[in-house]
Amino acid sequence: MRICTEIEGARNAIQGWCEHEPDFEPMIWDQANWDELFFCVKGSIKVHVEDRDGNTTELIAQQHESMFLPSGFRYTLLPTGEISVNLWTAAPVPAMGIKPFKDLGFDVVDIHNQLKEMAP
């Protein structure tokens, strides 16, 4: 779910949060032209990282820790066996939007409209 999006005219950064079940399906994306900062609000976050040459590593952020995900890598968000909440910020705003390989299971525009209706 996004807190602010390119739909709202954000030009330099977008922000959102993800709530993950202990056994969610891994999410894979190529981060071609934007950087991200993940802040673990609850639980822990595990990310598998692969560069263009096939070199890999794993990053783990525990509750109240951050991790930086620079552009130019393929990332896989992995389940950790516990409920987790991730507050993320991406900059600059991706020109084509974020396009994960796997369907996220919800419509971003519908969620955006629901949040606008809930706002005071």
PDB file of N, CA and C in Angstrom:
ATOM      1  N   MET A   1       0.849  -1.160   0.000  1.00  0.00           N
ATOM      2  CA  MET A   1       0.000   0.000   0.000  1.00  0.00           C
ATOM      3  C   MET A   1       0.897   1.226   0.000  1.00  0.00           C
ATOM      4  N   ARG A   2       0.519   2.237  -0.734  1.00  0.00           N
ATOM      5  CA  ARG A   2       1.339   3.438  -0.825  1.00  0.00           C
ATOM      6  C   ARG A   2       0.747   4.558   0.012  1.00  0.00           C
ATOM      7  N   ILE A   3       1.626   5.328   0.617  1.00  0.00           N
ATOM      8  CA  ILE A   3       1.212   6.502   1.378  1.00  0.00           C
ATOM      9  C   ILE A   3       1.101   7.688   0.435  1.00  0.00           C
ATOM     10  N   CYS A   4       2.110   7.909  -0.396  1.00  0.00           N
ATOM     11  CA  CYS A   4       2.038   8.920  -1.453  1.00  0.00           C
ATOM     12  C   CYS A   4       2.559   8.277  -2.726  1.00  0.00           C
ATOM     13  N   THR A   5       1.993   8.670  -3.849  1.00  0.00           N
ATOM     14  CA  THR A   5       2.316   8.008  -5.110  1.00  0.00           C
ATOM     15  C   THR A   5       2.484   9.016  -6.221  1.00  0.00           C
ATOM     16  N   GLU A   6       2.953   8.522  -7.373  1.00  0.00           N
ATOM     17  CA  GLU A   6       3.043   9.370  -8.547  1.00  0.00           C
ATOM     18  C   GLU A   6       1.659   9.836  -8.984  1.00  0.00           C
ATOM     19  N   ILE A   7       0.608   9.092  -8.600  1.00  0.00           N
ATOM     20  CA  ILE A   7      -0.763   9.487  -8.932  1.00  0.00           C
ATOM     21  C   ILE A   7      -1.082  10.834  -8.286  1.00  0.00           C
ATOM     22  N   GLU A   8      -0.512  11.089  -7.116  1.00  0.00           N
ATOM     23  CA  GLU A   8      -0.759  12.333  -6.395  1.00  0.00           C
ATOM     24  C   GLU A   8       0.212  13.437  -6.785  1.00  0.00           C
ATOM     25  N   GLY A   9       1.046  13.189  -7.782  1.00  0.00           N
ATOM     26  CA  GLY A   9       1.961  14.205  -8.266  1.00  0.00           C
ATOM     27  C   GLY A   9       3.299  14.238  -7.554  1.00  0.00           C
ATOM     28  N   ALA A  10       3.637  13.212  -6.783  1.00  0.00           N
ATOM     29  CA  ALA A  10       4.948  13.171  -6.141  1.00  0.00           C
ATOM     30  C   ALA A  10       6.016  13.154  -7.233  1.00  0.00           C
ATOM     31  N   ARG A  11       6.997  14.054  -7.134  1.00  0.00           N
ATOM     32  CA  ARG A  11       8.004  14.156  -8.181  1.00  0.00           C
ATOM     33  C   ARG A  11       9.363  13.608  -7.783  1.00  0.00           C
ATOM     34  N   ASN A  12       9.678  13.600  -6.498  1.00  0.00           N
ATOM     35  CA  ASN A  12      11.027  13.239  -6.084  1.00  0.00           C
ATOM     36  C   ASN A  12      11.112  11.977  -5.250  1.00  0.00           C
ATOM     37  N   ALA A  13      10.028  11.551  -4.643  1.00  0.00           N
ATOM     38  CA  ALA A  13      10.037  10.335  -3.828  1.00  0.00           C
ATOM     39  C   ALA A  13       8.606   9.842  -3.645  1.00  0.00           C
ATOM     40  N   ILE A  14       8.472   8.545  -3.433  1.00  0.00           N
ATOM     41  CA  ILE A  14       7.186   7.963  -3.057  1.00  0.00           C
ATOM     42  C   ILE A  14       7.413   7.118  -1.813  1.00  0.00           C
ATOM     43  N   GLN A  15       6.351   6.907  -1.063  1.00  0.00           N
ATOM     44  CA  GLN A  15       6.474   6.154   0.178  1.00  0.00           C
ATOM     45  C   GLN A  15       5.262   5.257   0.349  1.00  0.00           C
ATOM     46  N   GLY A  16       5.468   4.149   1.023  1.00  0.00           N
ATOM     47  CA  GLY A  16       4.374   3.232   1.292  1.00  0.00           C
ATOM     48  C   GLY A  16       4.774   2.247   2.364  1.00  0.00           C
ATOM     49  N   TRP A  17       3.868   1.312   2.646  1.00  0.00           N
ATOM     50  CA  TRP A  17       4.201   0.272   3.614  1.00  0.00           C
ATOM     51  C   TRP A  17       3.645  -1.048   3.125  1.00  0.00           C
ATOM     52  N   CYS A  18       4.292  -2.114   3.574  1.00  0.00           N
ATOM     53  CA  CYS A  18       3.867  -3.473   3.251  1.00  0.00           C
ATOM     54  C   CYS A  18       3.704  -4.238   4.552  1.00  0.00           C
ATOM     55  N   GLU A  19       2.617  -4.969   4.654  1.00  0.00           N
ATOM     56  CA  GLU A  19       2.395  -5.864   5.788  1.00  0.00           C
ATOM     57  C   GLU A  19       2.534  -7.283   5.253  1.00  0.00           C
ATOM     58  N   HIS A  20       3.420  -8.080   5.868  1.00  0.00           N
ATOM     59  CA  HIS A  20       3.735  -9.411   5.356  1.00  0.00           C
ATOM     60  C   HIS A  20       3.372 -10.490   6.362  1.00  0.00           C
ATOM     61  N   GLU A  21       2.716 -11.524   5.872  1.00  0.00           N
ATOM     62  CA  GLU A  21       2.437 -12.710   6.680  1.00  0.00           C
ATOM     63  C   GLU A  21       3.732 -13.512   6.836  1.00  0.00           C
ATOM     64  N   PRO A  22       3.813 -14.393   7.817  1.00  0.00           N
ATOM     65  CA  PRO A  22       5.044 -15.163   8.036  1.00  0.00           C
ATOM     66  C   PRO A  22       5.478 -16.011   6.838  1.00  0.00           C
ATOM     67  N   ASP A  23       4.517 -16.415   5.985  1.00  0.00           N
ATOM     68  CA  ASP A  23       4.827 -17.332   4.880  1.00  0.00           C
ATOM     69  C   ASP A  23       4.417 -16.769   3.517  1.00  0.00           C
ATOM     70  N   PHE A  24       4.517 -15.427   3.338  1.00  0.00           N
ATOM     71  CA  PHE A  24       4.101 -14.826   2.068  1.00  0.00           C
ATOM     72  C   PHE A  24       4.960 -15.348   0.909  1.00  0.00           C
ATOM     73  N   GLU A  25       4.414 -15.238  -0.310  1.00  0.00           N
ATOM     74  CA  GLU A  25       5.160 -15.624  -1.509  1.00  0.00           C
ATOM     75  C   GLU A  25       6.274 -14.606  -1.747  1.00  0.00           C
ATOM     76  N   PRO A  26       7.503 -15.041  -2.044  1.00  0.00           N
ATOM     77  CA  PRO A  26       8.584 -14.098  -2.324  1.00  0.00           C
ATOM     78  C   PRO A  26       8.202 -13.136  -3.448  1.00  0.00           C
ATOM     79  N   MET A  27       8.643 -11.894  -3.327  1.00  0.00           N
ATOM     80  CA  MET A  27       8.362 -10.862  -4.323  1.00  0.00           C
ATOM     81  C   MET A  27       9.681 -10.471  -4.986  1.00  0.00           C
ATOM     82  N   ILE A  28       9.737 -10.557  -6.319  1.00  0.00           N
ATOM     83  CA  ILE A  28      10.961 -10.300  -7.084  1.00  0.00           C
ATOM     84  C   ILE A  28      10.767  -9.055  -7.944  1.00  0.00           C
ATOM     85  N   TRP A  29      11.777  -8.182  -7.977  1.00  0.00           N
ATOM     86  CA  TRP A  29      11.716  -7.022  -8.858  1.00  0.00           C
ATOM     87  C   TRP A  29      13.116  -6.593  -9.267  1.00  0.00           C
ATOM     88  N   ASP A  30      13.206  -6.011 -10.482  1.00  0.00           N
ATOM     89  CA  ASP A  30      14.431  -5.385 -10.964  1.00  0.00           C
ATOM     90  C   ASP A  30      14.322  -3.901 -10.661  1.00  0.00           C
ATOM     91  N   GLN A  31      15.293  -3.383  -9.972  1.00  0.00           N
ATOM     92  CA  GLN A  31      15.262  -1.981  -9.553  1.00  0.00           C
ATOM     93  C   GLN A  31      16.212  -1.208 -10.459  1.00  0.00           C
ATOM     94  N   ALA A  32      15.716  -0.828 -11.623  1.00  0.00           N
ATOM     95  CA  ALA A  32      16.569  -0.274 -12.664  1.00  0.00           C
ATOM     96  C   ALA A  32      17.037   1.149 -12.385  1.00  0.00           C
ATOM     97  N   ASN A  33      16.151   2.019 -11.928  1.00  0.00           N
ATOM     98  CA  ASN A  33      16.515   3.438 -11.903  1.00  0.00           C
ATOM     99  C   ASN A  33      16.029   4.186 -10.666  1.00  0.00           C
ATOM    100  N   TRP A  34      15.851   3.506  -9.556  1.00  0.00           N
ATOM    101  CA  TRP A  34      15.482   4.199  -8.327  1.00  0.00           C
ATOM    102  C   TRP A  34      16.119   3.487  -7.143  1.00  0.00           C
ATOM    103  N   ASP A  35      16.330   4.225  -6.080  1.00  0.00           N
ATOM    104  CA  ASP A  35      16.851   3.686  -4.825  1.00  0.00           C
ATOM    105  C   ASP A  35      15.694   3.536  -3.847  1.00  0.00           C
ATOM    106  N   GLU A  36      15.834   2.601  -2.904  1.00  0.00           N
ATOM    107  CA  GLU A  36      14.809   2.423  -1.872  1.00  0.00           C
ATOM    108  C   GLU A  36      15.453   2.334  -0.501  1.00  0.00           C
ATOM    109  N   LEU A  37      14.726   2.811   0.472  1.00  0.00           N
ATOM    110  CA  LEU A  37      15.098   2.659   1.868  1.00  0.00           C
ATOM    111  C   LEU A  37      13.960   1.913   2.541  1.00  0.00           C
ATOM    112  N   PHE A  38      14.263   0.787   3.177  1.00  0.00           N
ATOM    113  CA  PHE A  38      13.278   0.009   3.928  1.00  0.00           C
ATOM    114  C   PHE A  38      13.518   0.245   5.413  1.00  0.00           C
ATOM    115  N   PHE A  39      12.451   0.517   6.152  1.00  0.00           N
ATOM    116  CA  PHE A  39      12.517   0.608   7.611  1.00  0.00           C
ATOM    117  C   PHE A  39      11.596  -0.472   8.163  1.00  0.00           C
ATOM    118  N   CYS A  40      12.132  -1.362   8.976  1.00  0.00           N
ATOM    119  CA  CYS A  40      11.353  -2.461   9.542  1.00  0.00           C
ATOM    120  C   CYS A  40      10.605  -1.964  10.777  1.00  0.00           C
ATOM    121  N   VAL A  41       9.301  -1.795  10.646  1.00  0.00           N
ATOM    122  CA  VAL A  41       8.456  -1.314  11.739  1.00  0.00           C
ATOM    123  C   VAL A  41       8.176  -2.438  12.729  1.00  0.00           C
ATOM    124  N   LYS A  42       7.997  -3.659  12.202  1.00  0.00           N
ATOM    125  CA  LYS A  42       7.638  -4.806  13.046  1.00  0.00           C
ATOM    126  C   LYS A  42       8.257  -6.068  12.461  1.00  0.00           C
ATOM    127  N   GLY A  43       8.695  -6.980  13.310  1.00  0.00           N
ATOM    128  CA  GLY A  43       9.247  -8.248  12.838  1.00  0.00           C
ATOM    129  C   GLY A  43      10.640  -8.072  12.277  1.00  0.00           C
ATOM    130  N   SER A  44      10.881  -8.671  11.108  1.00  0.00           N
ATOM    131  CA  SER A  44      12.158  -8.527  10.412  1.00  0.00           C
ATOM    132  C   SER A  44      11.909  -8.599   8.908  1.00  0.00           C
ATOM    133  N   ILE A  45      12.863  -8.075   8.147  1.00  0.00           N
ATOM    134  CA  ILE A  45      12.779  -8.048   6.686  1.00  0.00           C
ATOM    135  C   ILE A  45      14.024  -8.736   6.141  1.00  0.00           C
ATOM    136  N   LYS A  46      13.822  -9.645   5.184  1.00  0.00           N
ATOM    137  CA  LYS A  46      14.960 -10.324   4.552  1.00  0.00           C
ATOM    138  C   LYS A  46      14.872 -10.107   3.047  1.00  0.00           C
ATOM    139  N   VAL A  47      15.977  -9.658   2.447  1.00  0.00           N
ATOM    140  CA  VAL A  47      16.026  -9.390   1.014  1.00  0.00           C
ATOM    141  C   VAL A  47      17.234 -10.097   0.409  1.00  0.00           C
ATOM    142  N   HIS A  48      16.980 -10.887  -0.633  1.00  0.00           N
ATOM    143  CA  HIS A  48      18.040 -11.515  -1.427  1.00  0.00           C
ATOM    144  C   HIS A  48      18.409 -10.524  -2.522  1.00  0.00           C
ATOM    145  N   VAL A  49      19.708 -10.296  -2.737  1.00  0.00           N
ATOM    146  CA  VAL A  49      20.193  -9.311  -3.705  1.00  0.00           C
ATOM    147  C   VAL A  49      21.050 -10.019  -4.746  1.00  0.00           C
ATOM    148  N   GLU A  50      20.827  -9.680  -6.035  1.00  0.00           N
ATOM    149  CA  GLU A  50      21.649 -10.238  -7.112  1.00  0.00           C
ATOM    150  C   GLU A  50      22.085  -9.122  -8.045  1.00  0.00           C
ATOM    151  N   ASP A  51      23.406  -9.064  -8.340  1.00  0.00           N
ATOM    152  CA  ASP A  51      23.885  -8.052  -9.275  1.00  0.00           C
ATOM    153  C   ASP A  51      23.878  -8.609 -10.699  1.00  0.00           C
ATOM    154  N   ARG A  52      24.289  -7.786 -11.660  1.00  0.00           N
ATOM    155  CA  ARG A  52      24.243  -8.183 -13.076  1.00  0.00           C
ATOM    156  C   ARG A  52      25.147  -9.368 -13.396  1.00  0.00           C
ATOM    157  N   ASP A  53      26.184  -9.570 -12.580  1.00  0.00           N
ATOM    158  CA  ASP A  53      27.122 -10.674 -12.805  1.00  0.00           C
ATOM    159  C   ASP A  53      26.707 -11.957 -12.095  1.00  0.00           C
ATOM    160  N   GLY A  54      25.563 -11.934 -11.404  1.00  0.00           N
ATOM    161  CA  GLY A  54      25.084 -13.119 -10.709  1.00  0.00           C
ATOM    162  C   GLY A  54      25.590 -13.266  -9.285  1.00  0.00           C
ATOM    163  N   ASN A  55      26.361 -12.287  -8.792  1.00  0.00           N
ATOM    164  CA  ASN A  55      26.807 -12.317  -7.395  1.00  0.00           C
ATOM    165  C   ASN A  55      25.612 -12.044  -6.491  1.00  0.00           C
ATOM    166  N   THR A  56      25.533 -12.761  -5.363  1.00  0.00           N
ATOM    167  CA  THR A  56      24.376 -12.618  -4.482  1.00  0.00           C
ATOM    168  C   THR A  56      24.788 -12.380  -3.037  1.00  0.00           C
ATOM    169  N   THR A  57      23.868 -11.805  -2.282  1.00  0.00           N
ATOM    170  CA  THR A  57      24.002 -11.649  -0.840  1.00  0.00           C
ATOM    171  C   THR A  57      22.602 -11.532  -0.260  1.00  0.00           C
ATOM    172  N   GLU A  58      22.490 -11.611   1.045  1.00  0.00           N
ATOM    173  CA  GLU A  58      21.208 -11.394   1.721  1.00  0.00           C
ATOM    174  C   GLU A  58      21.357 -10.273   2.729  1.00  0.00           C
ATOM    175  N   LEU A  59      20.334  -9.437   2.788  1.00  0.00           N
ATOM    176  CA  LEU A  59      20.267  -8.357   3.767  1.00  0.00           C
ATOM    177  C   LEU A  59      19.143  -8.671   4.741  1.00  0.00           C
ATOM    178  N   ILE A  60      19.364  -8.392   6.013  1.00  0.00           N
ATOM    179  CA  ILE A  60      18.328  -8.594   7.026  1.00  0.00           C
ATOM    180  C   ILE A  60      18.251  -7.349   7.891  1.00  0.00           C
ATOM    181  N   ALA A  61      17.040  -6.835   8.075  1.00  0.00           N
ATOM    182  CA  ALA A  61      16.790  -5.724   8.996  1.00  0.00           C
ATOM    183  C   ALA A  61      15.855  -6.230  10.079  1.00  0.00           C
ATOM    184  N   GLN A  62      16.264  -6.090  11.316  1.00  0.00           N
ATOM    185  CA  GLN A  62      15.422  -6.432  12.456  1.00  0.00           C
ATOM    186  C   GLN A  62      14.497  -5.252  12.754  1.00  0.00           C
ATOM    187  N   GLN A  63      13.551  -5.453  13.652  1.00  0.00           N
ATOM    188  CA  GLN A  63      12.614  -4.388  14.023  1.00  0.00           C
ATOM    189  C   GLN A  63      13.379  -3.118  14.384  1.00  0.00           C
ATOM    190  N   HIS A  64      12.946  -1.998  13.811  1.00  0.00           N
ATOM    191  CA  HIS A  64      13.485  -0.654  14.012  1.00  0.00           C
ATOM    192  C   HIS A  64      14.855  -0.462  13.378  1.00  0.00           C
ATOM    193  N   GLU A  65      15.228  -1.323  12.433  1.00  0.00           N
ATOM    194  CA  GLU A  65      16.448  -1.146  11.651  1.00  0.00           C
ATOM    195  C   GLU A  65      16.067  -0.824  10.205  1.00  0.00           C
ATOM    196  N   SER A  66      17.024  -0.235   9.478  1.00  0.00           N
ATOM    197  CA  SER A  66      16.820   0.137   8.081  1.00  0.00           C
ATOM    198  C   SER A  66      17.776  -0.624   7.184  1.00  0.00           C
ATOM    199  N   MET A  67      17.416  -0.698   5.905  1.00  0.00           N
ATOM    200  CA  MET A  67      18.340  -1.188   4.885  1.00  0.00           C
ATOM    201  C   MET A  67      18.172  -0.324   3.645  1.00  0.00           C
ATOM    202  N   PHE A  68      19.273  -0.108   2.933  1.00  0.00           N
ATOM    203  CA  PHE A  68      19.288   0.692   1.715  1.00  0.00           C
ATOM    204  C   PHE A  68      19.411  -0.243   0.524  1.00  0.00           C
ATOM    205  N   LEU A  69      18.531  -0.071  -0.475  1.00  0.00           N
ATOM    206  CA  LEU A  69      18.526  -0.895  -1.680  1.00  0.00           C
ATOM    207  C   LEU A  69      18.784   0.011  -2.887  1.00  0.00           C
ATOM    208  N   PRO A  70      20.040   0.109  -3.342  1.00  0.00           N
ATOM    209  CA  PRO A  70      20.338   0.987  -4.474  1.00  0.00           C
ATOM    210  C   PRO A  70      19.832   0.413  -5.792  1.00  0.00           C
ATOM    211  N   SER A  71      19.738   1.273  -6.791  1.00  0.00           N
ATOM    212  CA  SER A  71      19.300   0.836  -8.117  1.00  0.00           C
ATOM    213  C   SER A  71      20.361  -0.070  -8.746  1.00  0.00           C
ATOM    214  N   GLY A  72      19.937  -0.804  -9.770  1.00  0.00           N
ATOM    215  CA  GLY A  72      20.863  -1.625 -10.525  1.00  0.00           C
ATOM    216  C   GLY A  72      20.947  -3.078 -10.089  1.00  0.00           C
ATOM    217  N   PHE A  73      20.065  -3.518  -9.212  1.00  0.00           N
ATOM    218  CA  PHE A  73      20.098  -4.885  -8.711  1.00  0.00           C
ATOM    219  C   PHE A  73      18.728  -5.540  -8.864  1.00  0.00           C
ATOM    220  N   ARG A  74      18.717  -6.877  -8.813  1.00  0.00           N
ATOM    221  CA  ARG A  74      17.471  -7.635  -8.725  1.00  0.00           C
ATOM    222  C   ARG A  74      17.301  -8.005  -7.258  1.00  0.00           C
ATOM    223  N   TYR A  75      16.108  -7.728  -6.734  1.00  0.00           N
ATOM    224  CA  TYR A  75      15.825  -7.984  -5.324  1.00  0.00           C
ATOM    225  C   TYR A  75      14.707  -9.010  -5.193  1.00  0.00           C
ATOM    226  N   THR A  76      14.790  -9.822  -4.140  1.00  0.00           N
ATOM    227  CA  THR A  76      13.726 -10.753  -3.790  1.00  0.00           C
ATOM    228  C   THR A  76      13.426 -10.566  -2.312  1.00  0.00           C
ATOM    229  N   LEU A  77      12.216 -10.108  -2.005  1.00  0.00           N
ATOM    230  CA  LEU A  77      11.773  -9.986  -0.619  1.00  0.00           C
ATOM    231  C   LEU A  77      11.319 -11.369  -0.170  1.00  0.00           C
ATOM    232  N   LEU A  78      11.914 -11.868   0.916  1.00  0.00           N
ATOM    233  CA  LEU A  78      11.688 -13.245   1.363  1.00  0.00           C
ATOM    234  C   LEU A  78      10.909 -13.300   2.672  1.00  0.00           C
ATOM    235  N   PRO A  79      10.116 -14.361   2.873  1.00  0.00           N
ATOM    236  CA  PRO A  79       9.414 -14.525   4.152  1.00  0.00           C
ATOM    237  C   PRO A  79      10.416 -14.800   5.274  1.00  0.00           C
ATOM    238  N   THR A  80      10.061 -14.360   6.481  1.00  0.00           N
ATOM    239  CA  THR A  80      10.956 -14.527   7.635  1.00  0.00           C
ATOM    240  C   THR A  80      10.374 -15.440   8.703  1.00  0.00           C
ATOM    241  N   GLY A  81       9.153 -15.941   8.486  1.00  0.00           N
ATOM    242  CA  GLY A  81       8.531 -16.797   9.486  1.00  0.00           C
ATOM    243  C   GLY A  81       7.809 -16.032  10.573  1.00  0.00           C
ATOM    244  N   GLU A  82       7.747 -14.709  10.435  1.00  0.00           N
ATOM    245  CA  GLU A  82       7.030 -13.880  11.403  1.00  0.00           C
ATOM    246  C   GLU A  82       6.292 -12.767  10.661  1.00  0.00           C
ATOM    247  N   ILE A  83       5.254 -12.244  11.261  1.00  0.00           N
ATOM    248  CA  ILE A  83       4.548 -11.099  10.689  1.00  0.00           C
ATOM    249  C   ILE A  83       5.510  -9.921  10.686  1.00  0.00           C
ATOM    250  N   SER A  84       5.559  -9.200   9.568  1.00  0.00           N
ATOM    251  CA  SER A  84       6.448  -8.044   9.487  1.00  0.00           C
ATOM    252  C   SER A  84       5.744  -6.880   8.804  1.00  0.00           C
ATOM    253  N   VAL A  85       6.205  -5.677   9.134  1.00  0.00           N
ATOM    254  CA  VAL A  85       5.710  -4.449   8.520  1.00  0.00           C
ATOM    255  C   VAL A  85       6.921  -3.661   8.050  1.00  0.00           C
ATOM    256  N   ASN A  86       6.884  -3.240   6.788  1.00  0.00           N
ATOM    257  CA  ASN A  86       7.986  -2.545   6.144  1.00  0.00           C
ATOM    258  C   ASN A  86       7.500  -1.184   5.654  1.00  0.00           C
ATOM    259  N   LEU A  87       8.100  -0.106   6.144  1.00  0.00           N
ATOM    260  CA  LEU A  87       7.864   1.243   5.626  1.00  0.00           C
ATOM    261  C   LEU A  87       8.967   1.505   4.611  1.00  0.00           C
ATOM    262  N   TRP A  88       8.586   1.786   3.354  1.00  0.00           N
ATOM    263  CA  TRP A  88       9.590   1.982   2.314  1.00  0.00           C
ATOM    264  C   TRP A  88       9.470   3.356   1.682  1.00  0.00           C
ATOM    265  N   THR A  89      10.606   3.856   1.217  1.00  0.00           N
ATOM    266  CA  THR A  89      10.668   5.115   0.486  1.00  0.00           C
ATOM    267  C   THR A  89      11.498   4.869  -0.763  1.00  0.00           C
ATOM    268  N   ALA A  90      11.016   5.336  -1.921  1.00  0.00           N
ATOM    269  CA  ALA A  90      11.735   5.184  -3.186  1.00  0.00           C
ATOM    270  C   ALA A  90      11.971   6.558  -3.798  1.00  0.00           C
ATOM    271  N   ALA A  91      13.193   6.765  -4.321  1.00  0.00           N
ATOM    272  CA  ALA A  91      13.527   8.034  -4.949  1.00  0.00           C
ATOM    273  C   ALA A  91      14.581   7.796  -6.031  1.00  0.00           C
ATOM    274  N   PRO A  92      14.554   8.515  -7.137  1.00  0.00           N
ATOM    275  CA  PRO A  92      13.441   9.359  -7.548  1.00  0.00           C
ATOM    276  C   PRO A  92      12.236   8.498  -7.920  1.00  0.00           C
ATOM    277  N   VAL A  93      11.126   9.142  -8.167  1.00  0.00           N
ATOM    278  CA  VAL A  93       9.916   8.411  -8.538  1.00  0.00           C
ATOM    279  C   VAL A  93      10.193   7.653  -9.834  1.00  0.00           C
ATOM    280  N   PRO A  94       9.990   6.338  -9.852  1.00  0.00           N
ATOM    281  CA  PRO A  94      10.224   5.574 -11.084  1.00  0.00           C
ATOM    282  C   PRO A  94       9.331   6.077 -12.214  1.00  0.00           C
ATOM    283  N   ALA A  95       9.940   6.363 -13.350  1.00  0.00           N
ATOM    284  CA  ALA A  95       9.197   6.930 -14.481  1.00  0.00           C
ATOM    285  C   ALA A  95       8.068   6.021 -14.945  1.00  0.00           C
ATOM    286  N   MET A  96       8.261   4.720 -14.916  1.00  0.00           N
ATOM    287  CA  MET A  96       7.259   3.781 -15.393  1.00  0.00           C
ATOM    288  C   MET A  96       6.491   3.130 -14.252  1.00  0.00           C
ATOM    289  N   GLY A  97       6.701   3.555 -13.015  1.00  0.00           N
ATOM    290  CA  GLY A  97       6.059   2.909 -11.880  1.00  0.00           C
ATOM    291  C   GLY A  97       6.794   1.635 -11.514  1.00  0.00           C
ATOM    292  N   ILE A  98       6.443   1.078 -10.401  1.00  0.00           N
ATOM    293  CA  ILE A  98       7.074  -0.145  -9.936  1.00  0.00           C
ATOM    294  C   ILE A  98       6.358  -1.324 -10.581  1.00  0.00           C
ATOM    295  N   LYS A  99       7.098  -2.204 -11.214  1.00  0.00           N
ATOM    296  CA  LYS A  99       6.511  -3.329 -11.940  1.00  0.00           C
ATOM    297  C   LYS A  99       7.091  -4.635 -11.413  1.00  0.00           C
ATOM    298  N   PRO A 100       6.496  -5.194 -10.351  1.00  0.00           N
ATOM    299  CA  PRO A 100       6.987  -6.485  -9.865  1.00  0.00           C
ATOM    300  C   PRO A 100       6.646  -7.591 -10.851  1.00  0.00           C
ATOM    301  N   PHE A 101       7.430  -8.669 -10.833  1.00  0.00           N
ATOM    302  CA  PHE A 101       7.173  -9.798 -11.722  1.00  0.00           C
ATOM    303  C   PHE A 101       5.929 -10.566 -11.303  1.00  0.00           C
ATOM    304  N   LYS A 102       5.593 -10.521 -10.023  1.00  0.00           N
ATOM    305  CA  LYS A 102       4.460 -11.287  -9.507  1.00  0.00           C
ATOM    306  C   LYS A 102       3.337 -10.320  -9.144  1.00  0.00           C
ATOM    307  N   ASP A 103       2.110 -10.689  -9.458  1.00  0.00           N
ATOM    308  CA  ASP A 103       0.955  -9.875  -9.099  1.00  0.00           C
ATOM    309  C   ASP A 103       0.912  -9.686  -7.592  1.00  0.00           C
ATOM    310  N   LEU A 104       0.701  -8.452  -7.150  1.00  0.00           N
ATOM    311  CA  LEU A 104       0.679  -8.160  -5.722  1.00  0.00           C
ATOM    312  C   LEU A 104      -0.618  -8.581  -5.052  1.00  0.00           C
ATOM    313  N   GLY A 105      -1.662  -8.863  -5.820  1.00  0.00           N
ATOM    314  CA  GLY A 105      -2.904  -9.333  -5.226  1.00  0.00           C
ATOM    315  C   GLY A 105      -3.867  -8.217  -4.859  1.00  0.00           C
ATOM    316  N   PHE A 106      -3.551  -6.962  -5.201  1.00  0.00           N
ATOM    317  CA  PHE A 106      -4.487  -5.867  -4.967  1.00  0.00           C
ATOM    318  C   PHE A 106      -4.267  -4.800  -6.029  1.00  0.00           C
ATOM    319  N   ASP A 107      -5.275  -3.960  -6.240  1.00  0.00           N
ATOM    320  CA  ASP A 107      -5.227  -2.894  -7.230  1.00  0.00           C
ATOM    321  C   ASP A 107      -4.777  -1.610  -6.543  1.00  0.00           C
ATOM    322  N   VAL A 108      -3.609  -1.093  -6.933  1.00  0.00           N
ATOM    323  CA  VAL A 108      -3.040   0.091  -6.289  1.00  0.00           C
ATOM    324  C   VAL A 108      -3.984   1.287  -6.416  1.00  0.00           C
ATOM    325  N   VAL A 109      -4.629   1.466  -7.568  1.00  0.00           N
ATOM    326  CA  VAL A 109      -5.529   2.604  -7.752  1.00  0.00           C
ATOM    327  C   VAL A 109      -6.729   2.492  -6.809  1.00  0.00           C
ATOM    328  N   ASP A 110      -7.298   1.289  -6.662  1.00  0.00           N
ATOM    329  CA  ASP A 110      -8.414   1.104  -5.728  1.00  0.00           C
ATOM    330  C   ASP A 110      -7.999   1.427  -4.298  1.00  0.00           C
ATOM    331  N   ILE A 111      -6.829   0.945  -3.881  1.00  0.00           N
ATOM    332  CA  ILE A 111      -6.334   1.237  -2.530  1.00  0.00           C
ATOM    333  C   ILE A 111      -6.134   2.737  -2.362  1.00  0.00           C
ATOM    334  N   HIS A 112      -5.549   3.381  -3.369  1.00  0.00           N
ATOM    335  CA  HIS A 112      -5.344   4.833  -3.336  1.00  0.00           C
ATOM    336  C   HIS A 112      -6.678   5.559  -3.127  1.00  0.00           C
ATOM    337  N   ASN A 113      -7.692   5.170  -3.887  1.00  0.00           N
ATOM    338  CA  ASN A 113      -9.003   5.813  -3.771  1.00  0.00           C
ATOM    339  C   ASN A 113      -9.636   5.557  -2.407  1.00  0.00           C
ATOM    340  N   GLN A 114      -9.476   4.347  -1.866  1.00  0.00           N
ATOM    341  CA  GLN A 114     -10.005   4.048  -0.533  1.00  0.00           C
ATOM    342  C   GLN A 114      -9.338   4.919   0.523  1.00  0.00           C
ATOM    343  N   LEU A 115      -8.023   5.099   0.415  1.00  0.00           N
ATOM    344  CA  LEU A 115      -7.313   5.939   1.386  1.00  0.00           C
ATOM    345  C   LEU A 115      -7.768   7.395   1.290  1.00  0.00           C
ATOM    346  N   LYS A 116      -7.987   7.876   0.069  1.00  0.00           N
ATOM    347  CA  LYS A 116      -8.459   9.253  -0.093  1.00  0.00           C
ATOM    348  C   LYS A 116      -9.834   9.437   0.541  1.00  0.00           C
ATOM    349  N   GLU A 117     -10.706   8.429   0.407  1.00  0.00           N
ATOM    350  CA  GLU A 117     -12.039   8.505   1.010  1.00  0.00           C
ATOM    351  C   GLU A 117     -11.966   8.501   2.531  1.00  0.00           C
ATOM    352  N   MET A 118     -10.959   7.832   3.093  1.00  0.00           N
ATOM    353  CA  MET A 118     -10.816   7.745   4.546  1.00  0.00           C
ATOM    354  C   MET A 118     -10.217   9.014   5.148  1.00  0.00           C
ATOM    355  N   ALA A 119      -9.536   9.808   4.326  1.00  0.00           N
ATOM    356  CA  ALA A 119      -8.855  11.004   4.837  1.00  0.00           C
ATOM    357  C   ALA A 119      -9.873  12.032   5.323  1.00  0.00           C
ATOM    358  N   PRO A 120      -9.532  12.745   6.400  1.00  0.00           N
ATOM    359  CA  PRO A 120     -10.468  13.766   6.923  1.00  0.00           C
ATOM    360  C   PRO A 120     -10.614  14.936   5.979  1.00  0.00           C
TER     361      PRO A 120
END
